[in-house]
C-alpha atoms as a PDB file:
ATOM      1  CA  MET A   1     -91.671   3.149  92.922  1.00  0.00           C
ATOM      2  CA  PRO A   2     -91.738   4.669  89.413  1.00  0.00           C
ATOM      3  CA  ILE A   3     -89.140   3.335  86.978  1.00  0.00           C
ATOM      4  CA  ALA A   4     -87.531   6.767  86.452  1.00  0.00           C
ATOM      5  CA  GLN A   5     -87.070   7.275  90.186  1.00  0.00           C
ATOM      6  CA  SER A   6     -85.628   3.787  90.576  1.00  0.00           C
ATOM      7  CA  PHE A   7     -83.236   4.397  87.690  1.00  0.00           C
ATOM      8  CA  ARG A   8     -82.044   7.676  89.265  1.00  0.00           C
ATOM      9  CA  ARG A   9     -81.358   5.838  92.537  1.00  0.00           C
ATOM     10  CA  VAL A  10     -79.356   3.160  90.730  1.00  0.00           C
ATOM     11  CA  GLN A  11     -77.411   5.812  88.828  1.00  0.00           C
ATOM     12  CA  ALA A  12     -76.633   7.773  92.004  1.00  0.00           C
ATOM     13  CA  ALA A  13     -75.481   4.614  93.790  1.00  0.00           C
ATOM     14  CA  TYR A  14     -73.359   3.618  90.809  1.00  0.00           C
ATOM     15  CA  ALA A  15     -71.496   6.876  90.121  1.00  0.00           C
ATOM     16  CA  GLU A  16     -72.195   9.071  93.179  1.00  0.00           C
ATOM     17  CA  ASP A  17     -71.267  12.638  92.104  1.00  0.00           C
ATOM     18  CA  GLU A  18     -69.792  11.763  88.720  1.00  0.00           C
ATOM     19  CA  GLN A  19     -72.121  12.119  85.743  1.00  0.00           C
ATOM     20  CA  ARG A  20     -72.213   8.820  83.858  1.00  0.00           C
ATOM     21  CA  PRO A  21     -74.614   8.492  80.926  1.00  0.00           C
ATOM     22  CA  LEU A  22     -76.252   5.248  82.070  1.00  0.00           C
ATOM     23  CA  LEU A  23     -79.499   6.107  80.270  1.00  0.00           C
ATOM     24  CA  GLY A  24     -77.483   6.676  77.095  1.00  0.00           C
ATOM     25  CA  TYR A  25     -75.724   3.343  77.579  1.00  0.00           C
ATOM     26  CA  LEU A  26     -79.105   1.679  78.061  1.00  0.00           C
ATOM     27  CA  ALA A  27     -80.367   3.257  74.830  1.00  0.00           C
ATOM     28  CA  SER A  28     -77.229   2.050  73.050  1.00  0.00           C
ATOM     29  CA  LEU A  29     -77.635  -1.514  74.350  1.00  0.00           C
ATOM     30  CA  CYS A  30     -81.307  -1.535  73.401  1.00  0.00           C
ATOM     31  CA  SER A  31     -80.472  -0.251  69.911  1.00  0.00           C
ATOM     32  CA  TYR A  32     -77.889  -2.999  69.465  1.00  0.00           C
ATOM     33  CA  GLY A  33     -80.412  -5.592  70.644  1.00  0.00           C
ATOM     34  CA  VAL A  34     -83.050  -4.274  68.243  1.00  0.00           C
ATOM     35  CA  LEU A  35     -80.593  -4.421  65.324  1.00  0.00           C
ATOM     36  CA  VAL A  36     -79.555  -7.995  66.181  1.00  0.00           C
ATOM     37  CA  GLY A  37     -83.226  -8.922  66.490  1.00  0.00           C
ATOM     38  CA  LEU A  38     -83.993  -7.282  63.163  1.00  0.00           C
ATOM     39  CA  ALA A  39     -81.156  -9.181  61.442  1.00  0.00           C
ATOM     40  CA  THR A  40     -82.433 -12.409  63.002  1.00  0.00           C
ATOM     41  CA  ALA A  41     -85.992 -11.688  61.837  1.00  0.00           C
ATOM     42  CA  VAL A  42     -84.799 -10.924  58.304  1.00  0.00           C
ATOM     43  CA  GLY A  43     -82.815 -14.147  58.240  1.00  0.00           C
ATOM     44  CA  ARG A  44     -85.762 -16.198  59.505  1.00  0.00           C
ATOM     45  CA  HIS A  45     -88.150 -14.531  57.047  1.00  0.00           C
ATOM     46  CA  ARG A  46     -85.792 -15.324  54.162  1.00  0.00           C
ATOM     47  CA  GLY A  47     -85.227 -18.868  55.398  1.00  0.00           C
ATOM     48  CA  THR A  48     -81.507 -18.225  55.771  1.00  0.00           C
ATOM     49  CA  ARG A  49     -79.717 -20.912  57.719  1.00  0.00           C
ATOM     50  CA  LEU A  50     -76.675 -20.192  59.833  1.00  0.00           C
ATOM     51  CA  PRO A  51     -73.502 -21.680  58.442  1.00  0.00           C
ATOM     52  CA  GLU A  52     -72.215 -24.801  60.168  1.00  0.00           C
ATOM     53  CA  ARG A  53     -68.977 -22.879  60.818  1.00  0.00           C
ATOM     54  CA  PHE A  54     -67.015 -19.949  59.478  1.00  0.00           C
ATOM     55  CA  THR A  55     -63.718 -20.658  57.773  1.00  0.00           C
ATOM     56  CA  ALA A  56     -60.436 -19.469  59.230  1.00  0.00           C
ATOM     57  CA  GLY A  57     -60.164 -17.162  56.197  1.00  0.00           C
ATOM     58  CA  ASP A  58     -63.564 -15.606  56.965  1.00  0.00           C
ATOM     59  CA  THR A  59     -62.518 -15.075  60.564  1.00  0.00           C
ATOM     60  CA  VAL A  60     -59.233 -13.414  59.585  1.00  0.00           C
ATOM     61  CA  LEU A  61     -60.983 -11.187  57.034  1.00  0.00           C
ATOM     62  CA  LEU A  62     -63.635 -10.318  59.613  1.00  0.00           C
ATOM     63  CA  ALA A  63     -61.010  -9.453  62.241  1.00  0.00           C
ATOM     64  CA  LEU A  64     -58.952  -7.268  59.896  1.00  0.00           C
ATOM     65  CA  ALA A  65     -62.031  -5.597  58.433  1.00  0.00           C
ATOM     66  CA  THR A  66     -63.468  -4.921  61.899  1.00  0.00           C
ATOM     67  CA  HIS A  67     -60.153  -3.409  62.989  1.00  0.00           C
ATOM     68  CA  LYS A  68     -59.927  -1.136  59.950  1.00  0.00           C
ATOM     69  CA  ALA A  69     -63.589  -0.110  59.965  1.00  0.00           C
ATOM     70  CA  SER A  70     -63.464   0.707  63.676  1.00  0.00           C
ATOM     71  CA  ARG A  71     -60.338   2.849  63.206  1.00  0.00           C
ATOM     72  CA  LEU A  72     -61.950   4.607  60.241  1.00  0.00           C
ATOM     73  CA  MET A  73     -65.124   5.308  62.187  1.00  0.00           C
ATOM     74  CA  THR A  74     -63.534   6.374  65.473  1.00  0.00           C
ATOM     75  CA  LYS A  75     -60.213   8.004  64.623  1.00  0.00           C
ATOM     76  CA  SER A  76     -59.968   8.944  60.938  1.00  0.00           C
ATOM     77  CA  SER A  77     -59.699  12.615  60.013  1.00  0.00           C
ATOM     78  CA  ILE A  78     -62.041  12.172  57.079  1.00  0.00           C
ATOM     79  CA  THR A  79     -64.863  10.703  59.192  1.00  0.00           C
ATOM     80  CA  SER A  80     -64.615  13.430  61.846  1.00  0.00           C
ATOM     81  CA  VAL A  81     -67.638  15.034  60.171  1.00  0.00           C
ATOM     82  CA  LEU A  82     -69.714  12.059  61.414  1.00  0.00           C
ATOM     83  CA  ARG A  83     -68.385  12.408  64.961  1.00  0.00           C
ATOM     84  CA  ALA A  84     -68.546  16.229  65.134  1.00  0.00           C
ATOM     85  CA  PRO A  85     -72.057  16.429  66.664  1.00  0.00           C
ATOM     86  CA  PHE A  86     -70.837  14.289  69.574  1.00  0.00           C
ATOM     87  CA  THR A  87     -67.177  15.271  69.991  1.00  0.00           C
ATOM     88  CA  ARG A  88     -64.724  18.136  70.181  1.00  0.00           C
ATOM     89  CA  TYR A  89     -61.483  18.099  68.196  1.00  0.00           C
ATOM     90  CA  GLU A  90     -58.369  18.115  70.388  1.00  0.00           C
ATOM     91  CA  LYS A  91     -55.302  17.461  68.223  1.00  0.00           C
ATOM     92  CA  PRO A  92     -53.775  15.216  65.563  1.00  0.00           C
ATOM     93  CA  ALA A  93     -53.175  11.677  66.807  1.00  0.00           C
ATOM     94  CA  GLY A  94     -50.831  10.053  64.328  1.00  0.00           C
ATOM     95  CA  VAL A  95     -51.104   9.171  60.693  1.00  0.00           C
ATOM     96  CA  ALA A  96     -54.438  10.530  59.359  1.00  0.00           C
ATOM     97  CA  GLU A  97     -56.042  10.226  62.784  1.00  0.00           C
ATOM     98  CA  VAL A  98     -57.350  12.746  65.297  1.00  0.00           C
ATOM     99  CA  GLN A  99     -57.894  12.838  69.041  1.00  0.00           C
ATOM    100  CA  GLU A 100     -61.303  14.034  70.147  1.00  0.00           C
ATOM    101  CA  THR A 101     -63.134  14.362  73.443  1.00  0.00           C
ATOM    102  CA  VAL A 102     -66.733  13.405  73.934  1.00  0.00           C
ATOM    103  CA  ARG A 103     -69.215  16.186  74.656  1.00  0.00           C
ATOM    104  CA  GLY A 104     -72.793  16.382  75.788  1.00  0.00           C
ATOM    105  CA  ASN A 105     -74.824  14.388  78.273  1.00  0.00           C
ATOM    106  CA  GLY A 106     -77.002  11.303  78.249  1.00  0.00           C
ATOM    107  CA  VAL A 107     -77.531   9.653  74.885  1.00  0.00           C
ATOM    108  CA  ARG A 108     -75.359  12.222  73.097  1.00  0.00           C
ATOM    109  CA  HIS A 109     -72.434  11.446  75.398  1.00  0.00           C
ATOM    110  CA  ALA A 110     -72.948   7.670  75.080  1.00  0.00           C
ATOM    111  CA  VAL A 111     -73.020   7.918  71.275  1.00  0.00           C
ATOM    112  CA  GLY A 112     -69.871  10.060  71.417  1.00  0.00           C
ATOM    113  CA  GLU A 113     -68.111   7.385  73.450  1.00  0.00           C
ATOM    114  CA  LEU A 114     -69.189   4.716  70.973  1.00  0.00           C
ATOM    115  CA  MET A 115     -67.999   6.827  68.040  1.00  0.00           C
ATOM    116  CA  THR A 116     -64.574   7.577  69.537  1.00  0.00           C
ATOM    117  CA  CYS A 117     -63.735   4.155  70.982  1.00  0.00           C
ATOM    118  CA  PRO A 118     -62.497   1.566  68.468  1.00  0.00           C
ATOM    119  CA  PHE A 119     -62.983  -1.182  71.054  1.00  0.00           C
ATOM    120  CA  CYS A 120     -66.618  -0.195  71.642  1.00  0.00           C
ATOM    121  CA  SER A 121     -67.510   0.311  67.985  1.00  0.00           C
ATOM    122  CA  GLY A 122     -65.709  -2.913  67.060  1.00  0.00           C
ATOM    123  CA  VAL A 123     -68.505  -4.919  68.686  1.00  0.00           C
ATOM    124  CA  TRP A 124     -71.114  -3.174  66.525  1.00  0.00           C
ATOM    125  CA  ILE A 125     -69.030  -3.456  63.360  1.00  0.00           C
ATOM    126  CA  ALA A 126     -68.187  -7.124  63.916  1.00  0.00           C
ATOM    127  CA  GLY A 127     -71.858  -7.797  64.561  1.00  0.00           C
ATOM    128  CA  ALA A 128     -72.889  -6.069  61.346  1.00  0.00           C
ATOM    129  CA  LEU A 129     -70.220  -7.802  59.269  1.00  0.00           C
ATOM    130  CA  THR A 130     -71.051 -11.190  60.804  1.00  0.00           C
ATOM    131  CA  ALA A 131     -74.732 -10.661  60.025  1.00  0.00           C
ATOM    132  CA  GLY A 132     -73.657  -9.663  56.521  1.00  0.00           C
ATOM    133  CA  LEU A 133     -71.713 -12.906  56.094  1.00  0.00           C
ATOM    134  CA  VAL A 134     -74.897 -14.810  56.933  1.00  0.00           C
ATOM    135  CA  LEU A 135     -77.469 -12.675  55.097  1.00  0.00           C
ATOM    136  CA  ALA A 136     -75.443 -11.351  52.148  1.00  0.00           C
ATOM    137  CA  PRO A 137     -72.148 -13.276  51.996  1.00  0.00           C
ATOM    138  CA  ARG A 138     -70.903 -12.177  48.578  1.00  0.00           C
ATOM    139  CA  PRO A 139     -71.086  -8.385  49.067  1.00  0.00           C
ATOM    140  CA  THR A 140     -69.910  -8.739  52.663  1.00  0.00           C
ATOM    141  CA  ARG A 141     -66.836 -10.718  51.567  1.00  0.00           C
ATOM    142  CA  LEU A 142     -66.127  -7.963  49.037  1.00  0.00           C
ATOM    143  CA  ILE A 143     -66.336  -5.317  51.778  1.00  0.00           C
ATOM    144  CA  THR A 144     -64.296  -7.324  54.300  1.00  0.00           C
ATOM    145  CA  THR A 145     -61.648  -8.085  51.679  1.00  0.00           C
ATOM    146  CA  ALA A 146     -61.323  -4.404  50.752  1.00  0.00           C
ATOM    147  CA  LEU A 147     -61.142  -3.282  54.396  1.00  0.00           C
ATOM    148  CA  SER A 148     -58.614  -6.029  55.168  1.00  0.00           C
ATOM    149  CA  ALA A 149     -56.470  -4.963  52.228  1.00  0.00           C
ATOM    150  CA  VAL A 150     -56.490  -1.369  53.485  1.00  0.00           C
ATOM    151  CA  ALA A 151     -55.559  -2.545  57.004  1.00  0.00           C
ATOM    152  CA  ALA A 152     -52.627  -4.551  55.607  1.00  0.00           C
ATOM    153  CA  SER A 153     -51.628  -1.606  53.434  1.00  0.00           C
ATOM    154  CA  ASP A 154     -51.606   0.670  56.486  1.00  0.00           C
ATOM    155  CA  TRP A 155     -49.192  -1.667  58.262  1.00  0.00           C
ATOM    156  CA  LEU A 156     -46.991  -1.826  55.169  1.00  0.00           C
ATOM    157  CA  HIS A 157     -46.886   1.995  55.055  1.00  0.00           C
ATOM    158  CA  VAL A 158     -45.922   2.143  58.729  1.00  0.00           C
ATOM    159  CA  GLY A 159     -43.263  -0.535  58.215  1.00  0.00           C
ATOM    160  CA  TYR A 160     -41.920   1.199  55.126  1.00  0.00           C
ATOM    161  CA  ASP A 161     -41.648   4.522  56.964  1.00  0.00           C
ATOM    162  CA  ALA A 162     -39.952   2.803  59.919  1.00  0.00           C
ATOM    163  CA  ALA A 163     -37.472   1.078  57.597  1.00  0.00           C
ATOM    164  CA  LYS A 164     -36.532   4.436  56.049  1.00  0.00           C
ATOM    165  CA  ASN A 165     -35.630   5.783  59.474  1.00  0.00           C
END
């Protein structure tokens, strides 16, 4: 049985009449795997050794930076230009954020879901920042510190506004 025909059967059994972009998800997973493999190959080529452990400070910076970067990528008004080929604007969604719906089919739809879901994009961003901490720790710490500061600043703005009311 040809692979394409087998894939169509799996897709039909999985989602019946609903259109789910399984091929797009597969392309996304393969892309992520290729990028992880590429980072690993670069590290091996350079002779980079994995750290024995990450510090608690690195982990906190990574978590805050991943949170902020994923919100910027998936919800920020200013980055809507990056999402526009894959989404449709719906309405404002809070402070400097927008709500969008995914459009298109297949890979386009899967990319749209990745670009509008902070939980989904967080995996990619955390992976990139973690690779950065291993392959280029100084610039990555600079980036994670700046993103973490912006995340903390956002919460201070929200708290300040709440305290005024």
